[in-house]
């Protein structure tokens, strides 16, 4: 084993033994699951203390039915970083809009944010006139924002490259 491969293995071992699991290298900075009957609007302030890579995920669980509209927007005081929007276009052929187990819908937005204060604006609407099924007139949605500090992102990338390099070297060294 040459010095480069040994160094890569030592780096990977040090990362695994440092007390940080890969799952702990990111933080859930916001999470909300809510039931909607009518309309739900919500604003959340998020403060990030360091530069991060983020993933913002919006989910319509379609339970017991899909929401008519669901959206989230990520902004700062001076800039918009993106929006996610899901809309149900019209009631189905049965005339009441029940999706009959069509499953949940999920969208994600990714990017990089500098340390600072940000705002999540959420809006969910459920039109009870379309949705009457066994007396249940509501919908269920979830919003989650995960942030990974930029230095941890670099460690993930370098450790992954090291593992691939080790595997390719090992494959080359095996007799055919």
Protein backbone atom coordinates (compact mmCIF):
# COMPACT_ATOMS: atom_id res chain seq x y z
CA UNK A 1 0.00 0.00 0.00
CA UNK A 2 1.55 3.31 -1.01
CA UNK A 3 1.61 6.46 1.11
CA UNK A 4 -1.28 8.14 -0.75
CA UNK A 5 -3.68 5.24 -0.17
CA UNK A 6 -2.55 4.96 3.44
CA UNK A 7 -3.16 8.70 3.90
CA UNK A 8 -6.63 8.48 2.42
CA UNK A 9 -7.54 5.55 4.65
CA UNK A 10 -6.15 7.40 7.69
CA UNK A 11 -8.25 10.49 6.81
CA UNK A 12 -11.39 8.39 6.41
CA UNK A 13 -10.72 6.57 9.69
CA UNK A 14 -10.13 9.89 11.47
CA UNK A 15 -13.45 11.23 10.16
CA UNK A 16 -15.32 8.16 11.32
CA UNK A 17 -13.67 8.23 14.75
CA UNK A 18 -14.02 11.97 15.33
CA UNK A 19 -17.38 11.57 17.04
CA UNK A 20 -19.37 12.97 14.11
CA UNK A 21 -21.61 10.63 12.24
CA UNK A 22 -22.38 11.60 8.67
CA UNK A 23 -25.99 12.22 9.70
CA UNK A 24 -24.86 14.64 12.42
CA UNK A 25 -22.94 16.81 9.95
CA UNK A 26 -26.16 18.50 8.86
CA UNK A 27 -28.81 20.24 10.91
CA UNK A 28 -32.57 20.29 10.49
CA UNK A 29 -33.03 24.04 10.90
CA UNK A 30 -36.78 23.95 10.35
CA UNK A 31 -39.45 21.27 10.26
CA UNK A 32 -43.22 21.53 10.33
CA UNK A 33 -46.02 19.06 9.64
CA UNK A 34 -49.55 20.45 9.78
CA UNK A 35 -53.15 19.59 8.95
CA UNK A 36 -55.10 22.14 6.99
CA UNK A 37 -58.80 22.79 6.98
CA UNK A 38 -59.42 25.86 4.87
CA UNK A 39 -56.24 27.92 4.66
CA UNK A 40 -52.97 27.95 6.61
CA UNK A 41 -50.39 30.71 6.25
CA UNK A 42 -47.20 30.76 8.29
CA UNK A 43 -43.92 32.72 8.46
CA UNK A 44 -40.77 31.41 10.17
CA UNK A 45 -37.50 33.26 10.86
CA UNK A 46 -34.33 31.20 10.46
CA UNK A 47 -30.90 32.39 11.60
CA UNK A 48 -27.82 30.68 10.16
CA UNK A 49 -24.52 31.22 11.98
CA UNK A 50 -22.27 30.04 9.15
CA UNK A 51 -22.32 29.60 5.38
CA UNK A 52 -24.32 26.49 4.46
CA UNK A 53 -25.58 24.32 1.65
CA UNK A 54 -29.33 23.89 2.11
CA UNK A 55 -32.12 21.60 0.97
CA UNK A 56 -35.68 22.87 1.36
CA UNK A 57 -38.32 20.15 0.91
CA UNK A 58 -42.08 20.63 0.57
CA UNK A 59 -44.39 17.60 0.83
CA UNK A 60 -48.12 17.18 0.22
CA UNK A 61 -48.92 13.90 1.97
CA UNK A 62 -52.25 13.58 0.09
CA UNK A 63 -53.98 12.43 3.25
CA UNK A 64 -56.86 12.04 3.03
CA UNK A 65 -56.60 14.10 -0.17
CA UNK A 66 -54.19 16.41 -1.94
CA UNK A 67 -54.22 20.08 -1.02
CA UNK A 68 -55.55 22.52 -3.59
CA UNK A 69 -52.44 24.67 -3.34
CA UNK A 70 -49.27 24.46 -1.31
CA UNK A 71 -46.25 26.74 -1.47
CA UNK A 72 -43.14 27.89 0.35
CA UNK A 73 -40.77 30.77 -0.40
CA UNK A 74 -37.28 31.36 1.04
CA UNK A 75 -36.22 35.03 1.25
CA UNK A 76 -33.87 37.35 3.09
CA UNK A 77 -34.53 41.02 3.72
CA UNK A 78 -33.17 41.89 0.26
CA UNK A 79 -33.34 38.77 -1.91
CA UNK A 80 -35.55 35.83 -2.86
CA UNK A 81 -33.78 32.46 -3.03
CA UNK A 82 -36.59 30.44 -4.56
CA UNK A 83 -40.12 29.12 -4.27
CA UNK A 84 -41.79 25.75 -4.45
CA UNK A 85 -45.44 25.54 -5.52
CA UNK A 86 -47.84 22.63 -5.93
CA UNK A 87 -51.38 23.12 -7.19
CA UNK A 88 -54.29 20.81 -7.79
CA UNK A 89 -55.88 21.96 -11.02
CA UNK A 90 -59.52 20.85 -10.70
CA UNK A 91 -61.75 18.24 -9.12
CA UNK A 92 -61.53 14.82 -10.71
CA UNK A 93 -64.25 13.18 -12.79
CA UNK A 94 -66.13 12.03 -9.69
CA UNK A 95 -66.93 15.64 -8.90
CA UNK A 96 -65.41 15.92 -5.44
CA UNK A 97 -61.66 15.92 -5.97
CA UNK A 98 -60.69 12.87 -3.94
CA UNK A 99 -57.39 11.52 -5.26
CA UNK A 100 -58.13 7.90 -4.24
CA UNK A 101 -54.63 7.02 -3.03
CA UNK A 102 -52.72 8.91 -5.70
CA UNK A 103 -49.81 9.23 -3.24
CA UNK A 104 -47.85 12.13 -1.89
CA UNK A 105 -46.08 14.78 -3.93
CA UNK A 106 -42.70 16.23 -2.96
CA UNK A 107 -40.50 19.01 -4.35
CA UNK A 108 -37.09 20.24 -3.23
CA UNK A 109 -34.99 23.36 -3.65
CA UNK A 110 -31.22 23.41 -3.06
CA UNK A 111 -28.59 26.12 -2.90
CA UNK A 112 -26.04 27.91 -0.79
CA UNK A 113 -26.72 30.57 1.86
CA UNK A 114 -24.38 32.87 3.72
CA UNK A 115 -24.63 33.33 7.48
CA UNK A 116 -27.58 35.60 8.26
CA UNK A 117 -31.33 35.80 8.83
CA UNK A 118 -33.80 34.26 6.40
CA UNK A 119 -37.58 33.88 6.25
CA UNK A 120 -39.72 30.95 5.17
CA UNK A 121 -43.22 31.90 4.05
CA UNK A 122 -45.67 29.00 3.72
CA UNK A 123 -49.21 28.88 2.41
CA UNK A 124 -51.54 25.87 2.18
CA UNK A 125 -55.13 25.86 0.97
CA UNK A 126 -57.73 23.13 1.13
CA UNK A 127 -61.12 23.83 -0.44
CA UNK A 128 -63.58 21.86 1.69
CA UNK A 129 -66.32 22.23 -0.95
CA UNK A 130 -64.46 19.80 -3.23
CA UNK A 131 -63.30 17.42 -0.53
CA UNK A 132 -65.98 15.60 1.41
CA UNK A 133 -64.98 12.03 2.11
CA UNK A 134 -66.33 10.28 5.20
CA UNK A 135 -66.58 13.62 6.98
CA UNK A 136 -62.83 14.31 6.67
CA UNK A 137 -62.28 17.75 5.22
CA UNK A 138 -58.57 18.41 5.60
CA UNK A 139 -55.15 17.88 4.06
CA UNK A 140 -51.69 17.22 5.50
CA UNK A 141 -48.40 18.86 4.48
CA UNK A 142 -44.81 19.08 5.65
CA UNK A 143 -41.92 21.53 5.22
CA UNK A 144 -38.31 20.74 6.13
CA UNK A 145 -35.08 22.71 5.71
CA UNK A 146 -31.74 20.96 6.20
CA UNK A 147 -28.47 22.90 6.30
CA UNK A 148 -24.97 21.42 5.91
CA UNK A 149 -22.08 23.75 6.81
CA UNK A 150 -19.83 24.40 3.81
CA UNK A 151 -16.70 22.95 5.49
CA UNK A 152 -18.60 19.71 6.19
CA UNK A 153 -19.69 19.63 2.54
CA UNK A 154 -16.04 19.78 1.49
CA UNK A 155 -15.16 16.96 3.91
CA UNK A 156 -17.97 14.83 2.44
CA UNK A 157 -16.68 15.44 -1.07
CA UNK A 158 -13.01 14.77 -0.24
CA UNK A 159 -13.75 11.61 1.73
CA UNK A 160 -15.91 10.30 -1.13
CA UNK A 161 -13.18 11.03 -3.66
CA UNK A 162 -10.66 9.29 -1.41
CA UNK A 163 -12.80 6.16 -1.17
CA UNK A 164 -13.25 6.07 -4.97
CA UNK A 165 -9.50 6.51 -5.49
CA UNK A 166 -8.75 3.72 -3.02
CA UNK A 167 -11.23 1.41 -4.73
CA UNK A 168 -9.86 2.12 -8.23
CA UNK A 169 -6.27 1.58 -7.06
CA UNK A 170 -7.24 -1.66 -5.39
CA UNK A 171 -9.02 -2.82 -8.55
CA UNK A 172 -5.91 -2.03 -10.63
CA UNK A 173 -3.66 -3.96 -8.24
CA UNK A 174 -5.73 -7.18 -8.41
CA UNK A 175 -4.41 -9.73 -10.94
CA UNK A 176 -6.69 -10.36 -13.90
